[in-house]
Amino acid sequence: NYSESFNPASLTDQAQDIADGFLDPETGNQIELGMKNEWLDGQFMTTLAVYRIEKQNVAQANPLNTGDDDGIPALLNLGEVHSQVLEWTLVGDLTDNLTVTANYAYNETEVVKGVTNDSLTNTFDSKHFANAPRHQAGIWTRYDINALDSAIAFGMDYVGEQFSLDGQIVKPHTIFDMSWTTQWDQTQVRLNLKNIFDKEYAVSGFSERNGHFPGEPRNITLELSHKF
């Protein structure tokens, strides 16, 4: 698969930088190659995809911005960003009642041509594109309790190390979730428990002055649905 993209900056983003000149539109292209395969007479299915994305004029928040009318643009157009990605997924039945879904992604993203303003050189000299983890993985299992028309599911998501806009390290984290679902005729009840162990973590990083963006704490939701 091959595709090209053209994405003008939004009016909101343009308004932030109108005093410093308009943002250029983001352009890009993507080349992707993928493969699917079934194993053990269809008991398992795997997919494998590799792709390369090239983007020009990516709009990025400027960590050196201190507020309105400071003469420093709130957003910047980076010169060029490249991403090389490998993704793998597995879906299958371990037993008649137990299913599993697993995935892994490797993402190597670099700022190939950064901003030229000398005052911003140190911010982007690492060439790491902000908030783009190299490693992400997840696994989700579901056990069906047929006698009760119910199912119990448990899973985890892992996000590897990231870098903030200031080049600070955003620590990797692993989050565990689970759910319980039951069915009565046309009515379904689902109980979701996210971040079981109430782990404190950052989903992404901004700047040294403002810190990182915190992840969602433990929460429980109850869903009720009915088909008419």
C-alpha atoms as a PDB file:
ATOM      1  CA  ASN A   1       0.000   0.000   0.000  1.00  0.00           C
ATOM      2  CA  TYR A   2       1.186   3.522  -0.812  1.00  0.00           C
ATOM      3  CA  SER A   3      -0.538   6.740   0.223  1.00  0.00           C
ATOM      4  CA  GLU A   4       0.121  10.472   0.381  1.00  0.00           C
ATOM      5  CA  SER A   5      -1.313  13.036   2.804  1.00  0.00           C
ATOM      6  CA  PHE A   6      -1.878  16.789   2.975  1.00  0.00           C
ATOM      7  CA  ASN A   7      -3.096  18.312   6.232  1.00  0.00           C
ATOM      8  CA  PRO A   8      -3.418  22.106   6.659  1.00  0.00           C
ATOM      9  CA  ALA A   9      -3.029  23.435  10.193  1.00  0.00           C
ATOM     10  CA  SER A  10      -6.321  24.000  12.012  1.00  0.00           C
ATOM     11  CA  LEU A  11      -7.671  27.511  12.547  1.00  0.00           C
ATOM     12  CA  THR A  12      -7.075  27.103  16.282  1.00  0.00           C
ATOM     13  CA  ASP A  13      -3.398  26.278  15.748  1.00  0.00           C
ATOM     14  CA  GLN A  14      -3.011  29.091  13.225  1.00  0.00           C
ATOM     15  CA  ALA A  15      -4.509  31.557  15.692  1.00  0.00           C
ATOM     16  CA  GLN A  16      -1.813  30.673  18.240  1.00  0.00           C
ATOM     17  CA  ASP A  17       0.960  31.602  15.820  1.00  0.00           C
ATOM     18  CA  ILE A  18      -0.608  34.334  13.694  1.00  0.00           C
ATOM     19  CA  ALA A  19       1.731  36.964  15.160  1.00  0.00           C
ATOM     20  CA  ASP A  20       4.766  34.856  14.205  1.00  0.00           C
ATOM     21  CA  GLY A  21       3.644  33.836  10.729  1.00  0.00           C
ATOM     22  CA  PHE A  22       1.318  31.118   9.516  1.00  0.00           C
ATOM     23  CA  LEU A  23       2.075  27.431   9.969  1.00  0.00           C
ATOM     24  CA  ASP A  24       2.818  25.449   6.825  1.00  0.00           C
ATOM     25  CA  PRO A  25       0.546  22.506   5.946  1.00  0.00           C
ATOM     26  CA  GLU A  26       1.770  19.052   6.948  1.00  0.00           C
ATOM     27  CA  THR A  27       2.501  16.719   4.031  1.00  0.00           C
ATOM     28  CA  GLY A  28       3.566  13.098   4.043  1.00  0.00           C
ATOM     29  CA  ASN A  29       3.667   9.674   2.435  1.00  0.00           C
ATOM     30  CA  GLN A  30       3.427   6.097   3.683  1.00  0.00           C
ATOM     31  CA  ILE A  31       4.598   2.772   2.250  1.00  0.00           C
ATOM     32  CA  GLU A  32       3.223  -0.379   3.909  1.00  0.00           C
ATOM     33  CA  LEU A  33       3.650  -4.121   3.399  1.00  0.00           C
ATOM     34  CA  GLY A  34       1.602  -6.651   5.371  1.00  0.00           C
ATOM     35  CA  MET A  35       0.846 -10.362   5.652  1.00  0.00           C
ATOM     36  CA  LYS A  36      -1.834 -12.469   7.359  1.00  0.00           C
ATOM     37  CA  ASN A  37      -1.658 -16.164   8.156  1.00  0.00           C
ATOM     38  CA  GLU A  38      -3.776 -18.865   9.860  1.00  0.00           C
ATOM     39  CA  TRP A  39      -2.293 -21.607  12.023  1.00  0.00           C
ATOM     40  CA  LEU A  40      -3.516 -24.989  13.327  1.00  0.00           C
ATOM     41  CA  ASP A  41      -6.554 -25.165  11.020  1.00  0.00           C
ATOM     42  CA  GLY A  42      -7.639 -21.626  11.828  1.00  0.00           C
ATOM     43  CA  GLN A  43      -7.239 -21.854  15.603  1.00  0.00           C
ATOM     44  CA  PHE A  44      -4.834 -18.898  15.525  1.00  0.00           C
ATOM     45  CA  MET A  45      -4.413 -15.975  13.160  1.00  0.00           C
ATOM     46  CA  THR A  46      -1.405 -13.658  12.960  1.00  0.00           C
ATOM     47  CA  THR A  47      -0.795 -10.415  11.102  1.00  0.00           C
ATOM     48  CA  LEU A  48       2.538  -8.767  10.391  1.00  0.00           C
ATOM     49  CA  ALA A  49       2.974  -5.286   8.952  1.00  0.00           C
ATOM     50  CA  VAL A  50       5.976  -3.075   8.272  1.00  0.00           C
ATOM     51  CA  TYR A  51       5.683   0.492   7.093  1.00  0.00           C
ATOM     52  CA  ARG A  52       7.587   3.723   6.697  1.00  0.00           C
ATOM     53  CA  ILE A  53       6.033   7.160   7.139  1.00  0.00           C
ATOM     54  CA  GLU A  54       7.661  10.423   6.079  1.00  0.00           C
ATOM     55  CA  LYS A  55       6.099  13.711   7.192  1.00  0.00           C
ATOM     56  CA  GLN A  56       7.152  17.273   6.477  1.00  0.00           C
ATOM     57  CA  ASN A  57       6.223  20.429   8.417  1.00  0.00           C
ATOM     58  CA  VAL A  58       4.840  18.566  11.439  1.00  0.00           C
ATOM     59  CA  ALA A  59       3.344  21.110  13.891  1.00  0.00           C
ATOM     60  CA  GLN A  60       4.776  20.660  17.384  1.00  0.00           C
ATOM     61  CA  ALA A  61       4.200  22.579  20.625  1.00  0.00           C
ATOM     62  CA  ASN A  62       7.147  24.830  21.456  1.00  0.00           C
ATOM     63  CA  PRO A  63       8.418  24.140  25.013  1.00  0.00           C
ATOM     64  CA  LEU A  64      10.183  27.527  25.049  1.00  0.00           C
ATOM     65  CA  ASN A  65       6.921  29.414  24.733  1.00  0.00           C
ATOM     66  CA  THR A  66       6.112  31.334  27.936  1.00  0.00           C
ATOM     67  CA  GLY A  67       2.706  32.753  27.051  1.00  0.00           C
ATOM     68  CA  ASP A  68       0.918  35.258  24.842  1.00  0.00           C
ATOM     69  CA  ASP A  69       2.824  38.188  23.321  1.00  0.00           C
ATOM     70  CA  ASP A  70       6.215  36.833  24.395  1.00  0.00           C
ATOM     71  CA  GLY A  71       7.594  36.883  20.858  1.00  0.00           C
ATOM     72  CA  ILE A  72       8.116  33.112  20.927  1.00  0.00           C
ATOM     73  CA  PRO A  73       5.845  31.002  18.694  1.00  0.00           C
ATOM     74  CA  ALA A  74       3.509  28.616  20.520  1.00  0.00           C
ATOM     75  CA  LEU A  75       3.865  26.029  17.737  1.00  0.00           C
ATOM     76  CA  LEU A  76       6.686  25.092  15.389  1.00  0.00           C
ATOM     77  CA  ASN A  77       6.919  23.389  12.015  1.00  0.00           C
ATOM     78  CA  LEU A  78       9.583  20.686  12.302  1.00  0.00           C
ATOM     79  CA  GLY A  79      11.455  20.150   9.057  1.00  0.00           C
ATOM     80  CA  GLU A  80      10.906  16.407   8.517  1.00  0.00           C
ATOM     81  CA  VAL A  81      10.003  13.352  10.633  1.00  0.00           C
ATOM     82  CA  HIS A  82      10.509   9.696   9.652  1.00  0.00           C
ATOM     83  CA  SER A  83       8.840   6.680  11.278  1.00  0.00           C
ATOM     84  CA  GLN A  84       9.751   3.044  10.640  1.00  0.00           C
ATOM     85  CA  VAL A  85       7.264   0.676  12.247  1.00  0.00           C
ATOM     86  CA  LEU A  86       6.804  -3.073  12.681  1.00  0.00           C
ATOM     87  CA  GLU A  87       3.481  -4.370  14.053  1.00  0.00           C
ATOM     88  CA  TRP A  88       2.521  -7.936  14.986  1.00  0.00           C
ATOM     89  CA  THR A  89      -0.782  -9.297  16.283  1.00  0.00           C
ATOM     90  CA  LEU A  90      -2.077 -12.729  17.300  1.00  0.00           C
ATOM     91  CA  VAL A  91      -5.692 -13.757  17.857  1.00  0.00           C
ATOM     92  CA  GLY A  92      -6.760 -17.276  18.746  1.00  0.00           C
ATOM     93  CA  ASP A  93      -8.480 -19.866  20.921  1.00  0.00           C
ATOM     94  CA  LEU A  94      -6.346 -21.522  23.582  1.00  0.00           C
ATOM     95  CA  THR A  95      -9.307 -23.749  24.570  1.00  0.00           C
ATOM     96  CA  ASP A  96     -13.032 -23.850  23.765  1.00  0.00           C
ATOM     97  CA  ASN A  97     -13.616 -21.243  26.469  1.00  0.00           C
ATOM     98  CA  LEU A  98     -10.368 -19.279  26.570  1.00  0.00           C
ATOM     99  CA  THR A  99      -9.354 -16.800  23.855  1.00  0.00           C
ATOM    100  CA  VAL A 100      -6.280 -14.568  23.619  1.00  0.00           C
ATOM    101  CA  THR A 101      -5.316 -11.421  21.723  1.00  0.00           C
ATOM    102  CA  ALA A 102      -1.712 -10.206  21.749  1.00  0.00           C
ATOM    103  CA  ASN A 103       0.084  -7.403  19.947  1.00  0.00           C
ATOM    104  CA  TYR A 104       3.486  -5.774  19.707  1.00  0.00           C
ATOM    105  CA  ALA A 105       4.734  -2.672  17.871  1.00  0.00           C
ATOM    106  CA  TYR A 106       8.218  -1.294  17.318  1.00  0.00           C
ATOM    107  CA  ASN A 107       8.361   2.338  16.228  1.00  0.00           C
ATOM    108  CA  GLU A 108      11.598   4.143  15.370  1.00  0.00           C
ATOM    109  CA  THR A 109      10.714   7.826  14.897  1.00  0.00           C
ATOM    110  CA  GLU A 110      13.301  10.531  14.300  1.00  0.00           C
ATOM    111  CA  VAL A 111      13.364  14.235  13.537  1.00  0.00           C
ATOM    112  CA  VAL A 112      15.456  14.178  10.369  1.00  0.00           C
ATOM    113  CA  LYS A 113      15.399  17.911   9.690  1.00  0.00           C
ATOM    114  CA  GLY A 114      14.707  20.002  12.778  1.00  0.00           C
ATOM    115  CA  VAL A 115      14.068  23.670  13.366  1.00  0.00           C
ATOM    116  CA  THR A 116      16.935  25.986  12.430  1.00  0.00           C
ATOM    117  CA  ASN A 117      16.522  28.656  15.124  1.00  0.00           C
ATOM    118  CA  ASP A 118      19.693  28.452  17.283  1.00  0.00           C
ATOM    119  CA  SER A 119      17.710  29.016  20.466  1.00  0.00           C
ATOM    120  CA  LEU A 120      15.804  25.811  19.823  1.00  0.00           C
ATOM    121  CA  THR A 121      18.691  23.586  18.737  1.00  0.00           C
ATOM    122  CA  ASN A 122      19.193  21.973  22.159  1.00  0.00           C
ATOM    123  CA  THR A 123      15.530  21.109  22.430  1.00  0.00           C
ATOM    124  CA  PHE A 124      15.597  18.838  19.384  1.00  0.00           C
ATOM    125  CA  ASP A 125      19.257  17.769  19.162  1.00  0.00           C
ATOM    126  CA  SER A 126      18.449  14.225  20.330  1.00  0.00           C
ATOM    127  CA  LYS A 127      16.440  13.686  17.104  1.00  0.00           C
ATOM    128  CA  HIS A 128      13.842  11.779  19.109  1.00  0.00           C
ATOM    129  CA  PHE A 129      10.336  12.804  18.135  1.00  0.00           C
ATOM    130  CA  ALA A 130       8.417  13.702  21.283  1.00  0.00           C
ATOM    131  CA  ASN A 131       6.015  11.160  22.808  1.00  0.00           C
ATOM    132  CA  ALA A 132       6.708   8.372  20.322  1.00  0.00           C
ATOM    133  CA  PRO A 133       7.617   5.200  22.281  1.00  0.00           C
ATOM    134  CA  ARG A 134       9.760   2.634  20.511  1.00  0.00           C
ATOM    135  CA  HIS A 135       8.020  -0.334  22.143  1.00  0.00           C
ATOM    136  CA  GLN A 136       4.339  -1.011  22.810  1.00  0.00           C
ATOM    137  CA  ALA A 137       2.751  -4.343  23.663  1.00  0.00           C
ATOM    138  CA  GLY A 138      -0.480  -5.746  24.991  1.00  0.00           C
ATOM    139  CA  ILE A 139      -2.264  -8.979  25.781  1.00  0.00           C
ATOM    140  CA  TRP A 140      -5.939  -9.636  26.511  1.00  0.00           C
ATOM    141  CA  THR A 141      -7.540 -12.938  27.520  1.00  0.00           C
ATOM    142  CA  ARG A 142     -11.227 -13.800  27.875  1.00  0.00           C
ATOM    143  CA  TYR A 143     -12.749 -16.832  29.593  1.00  0.00           C
ATOM    144  CA  ASP A 144     -16.350 -17.709  28.723  1.00  0.00           C
ATOM    145  CA  ILE A 145     -18.548 -19.182  31.464  1.00  0.00           C
ATOM    146  CA  ASN A 146     -21.247 -20.660  29.252  1.00  0.00           C
ATOM    147  CA  ALA A 147     -23.413 -22.006  32.108  1.00  0.00           C
ATOM    148  CA  LEU A 148     -23.878 -18.417  33.369  1.00  0.00           C
ATOM    149  CA  ASP A 149     -23.869 -16.669  29.970  1.00  0.00           C
ATOM    150  CA  SER A 150     -20.927 -14.667  31.322  1.00  0.00           C
ATOM    151  CA  ALA A 151     -17.301 -13.906  30.509  1.00  0.00           C
ATOM    152  CA  ILE A 152     -14.318 -12.696  32.509  1.00  0.00           C
ATOM    153  CA  ALA A 153     -11.481 -10.855  30.760  1.00  0.00           C
ATOM    154  CA  PHE A 154      -8.050  -9.743  31.929  1.00  0.00           C
ATOM    155  CA  GLY A 155      -5.304  -7.872  30.130  1.00  0.00           C
ATOM    156  CA  MET A 156      -2.332  -5.559  30.231  1.00  0.00           C
ATOM    157  CA  ASP A 157      -0.846  -2.777  28.112  1.00  0.00           C
ATOM    158  CA  TYR A 158       2.811  -1.798  28.064  1.00  0.00           C
ATOM    159  CA  VAL A 159       4.218   1.485  26.727  1.00  0.00           C
ATOM    160  CA  GLY A 160       7.978   1.917  26.564  1.00  0.00           C
ATOM    161  CA  GLU A 161      10.200   4.886  27.275  1.00  0.00           C
ATOM    162  CA  GLN A 162       9.345   8.208  25.631  1.00  0.00           C
ATOM    163  CA  PHE A 163      10.925  11.656  25.433  1.00  0.00           C
ATOM    164  CA  SER A 164       9.200  14.938  26.251  1.00  0.00           C
ATOM    165  CA  LEU A 165       9.472  18.089  24.157  1.00  0.00           C
ATOM    166  CA  ASP A 166      12.379  19.137  26.385  1.00  0.00           C
ATOM    167  CA  GLY A 167      14.123  15.788  25.897  1.00  0.00           C
ATOM    168  CA  GLN A 168      13.234  14.518  29.375  1.00  0.00           C
ATOM    169  CA  ILE A 169      12.662  10.786  29.787  1.00  0.00           C
ATOM    170  CA  VAL A 170       9.047   9.714  30.259  1.00  0.00           C
ATOM    171  CA  LYS A 171       9.238   6.420  32.137  1.00  0.00           C
ATOM    172  CA  PRO A 172       7.717   3.230  30.667  1.00  0.00           C
ATOM    173  CA  HIS A 173       4.562   1.877  32.277  1.00  0.00           C
ATOM    174  CA  THR A 174       2.378  -1.229  32.375  1.00  0.00           C
ATOM    175  CA  ILE A 175      -1.353  -0.999  33.109  1.00  0.00           C
ATOM    176  CA  PHE A 176      -3.651  -3.934  33.992  1.00  0.00           C
ATOM    177  CA  ASP A 177      -7.399  -4.013  33.265  1.00  0.00           C
ATOM    178  CA  MET A 178     -10.209  -6.533  33.671  1.00  0.00           C
ATOM    179  CA  SER A 179     -13.909  -6.860  32.949  1.00  0.00           C
ATOM    180  CA  TRP A 180     -16.937  -9.055  33.644  1.00  0.00           C
ATOM    181  CA  THR A 181     -19.833  -9.431  31.209  1.00  0.00           C
ATOM    182  CA  THR A 182     -23.136 -11.262  31.522  1.00  0.00           C
ATOM    183  CA  GLN A 183     -26.171 -11.592  29.264  1.00  0.00           C
ATOM    184  CA  TRP A 184     -29.900 -12.084  29.894  1.00  0.00           C
ATOM    185  CA  ASP A 185     -31.862 -12.464  26.669  1.00  0.00           C
ATOM    186  CA  GLN A 186     -31.481  -9.027  24.999  1.00  0.00           C
ATOM    187  CA  THR A 187     -29.882  -7.321  27.991  1.00  0.00           C
ATOM    188  CA  GLN A 188     -26.152  -7.133  28.636  1.00  0.00           C
ATOM    189  CA  VAL A 189     -24.336  -5.944  31.771  1.00  0.00           C
ATOM    190  CA  ARG A 190     -20.621  -5.172  31.754  1.00  0.00           C
ATOM    191  CA  LEU A 191     -18.386  -4.192  34.666  1.00  0.00           C
ATOM    192  CA  ASN A 192     -15.018  -2.665  33.718  1.00  0.00           C
ATOM    193  CA  LEU A 193     -12.086  -2.148  36.064  1.00  0.00           C
ATOM    194  CA  LYS A 194      -9.260  -0.085  34.556  1.00  0.00           C
ATOM    195  CA  ASN A 195      -5.796   0.402  36.052  1.00  0.00           C
ATOM    196  CA  ILE A 196      -6.441  -2.292  38.654  1.00  0.00           C
ATOM    197  CA  PHE A 197      -3.402  -1.463  40.782  1.00  0.00           C
ATOM    198  CA  ASP A 198      -3.960   2.314  40.600  1.00  0.00           C
ATOM    199  CA  LYS A 199      -0.524   2.894  39.090  1.00  0.00           C
ATOM    200  CA  GLU A 200       0.714   6.481  38.808  1.00  0.00           C
ATOM    201  CA  TYR A 201       2.202   7.086  35.356  1.00  0.00           C
ATOM    202  CA  ALA A 202       2.598   9.660  32.587  1.00  0.00           C
ATOM    203  CA  VAL A 203       0.994   9.046  29.198  1.00  0.00           C
ATOM    204  CA  SER A 204       3.213  11.681  27.544  1.00  0.00           C
ATOM    205  CA  GLY A 205       5.616  14.500  28.334  1.00  0.00           C
ATOM    206  CA  PHE A 206       5.495  18.216  27.614  1.00  0.00           C
ATOM    207  CA  SER A 207       8.223  20.431  29.085  1.00  0.00           C
ATOM    208  CA  GLU A 208      10.413  20.615  32.171  1.00  0.00           C
ATOM    209  CA  ARG A 209       8.499  23.692  33.318  1.00  0.00           C
ATOM    210  CA  ASN A 210       5.037  22.142  32.934  1.00  0.00           C
ATOM    211  CA  GLY A 211       5.822  18.485  33.636  1.00  0.00           C
ATOM    212  CA  HIS A 212       4.193  15.396  32.118  1.00  0.00           C
ATOM    213  CA  PHE A 213       0.560  14.524  31.386  1.00  0.00           C
ATOM    214  CA  PRO A 214      -0.713  12.063  34.044  1.00  0.00           C
ATOM    215  CA  GLY A 215      -2.465   8.822  33.164  1.00  0.00           C
ATOM    216  CA  GLU A 216      -5.937   7.874  34.294  1.00  0.00           C
ATOM    217  CA  PRO A 217      -6.153   6.517  37.872  1.00  0.00           C
ATOM    218  CA  ARG A 218      -8.104   3.386  38.818  1.00  0.00           C
ATOM    219  CA  ASN A 219     -11.736   3.610  37.789  1.00  0.00           C
ATOM    220  CA  ILE A 220     -14.780   1.347  37.672  1.00  0.00           C
ATOM    221  CA  THR A 221     -17.618   1.647  35.163  1.00  0.00           C
ATOM    222  CA  LEU A 222     -20.868  -0.288  34.888  1.00  0.00           C
ATOM    223  CA  GLU A 223     -22.532  -0.514  31.481  1.00  0.00           C
ATOM    224  CA  LEU A 224     -26.101  -1.659  30.775  1.00  0.00           C
ATOM    225  CA  SER A 225     -27.363  -2.210  27.234  1.00  0.00           C
ATOM    226  CA  HIS A 226     -30.568  -3.645  25.787  1.00  0.00           C
ATOM    227  CA  LYS A 227     -31.511  -4.594  22.227  1.00  0.00           C
ATOM    228  CA  PHE A 228     -35.098  -3.916  21.181  1.00  0.00           C
END
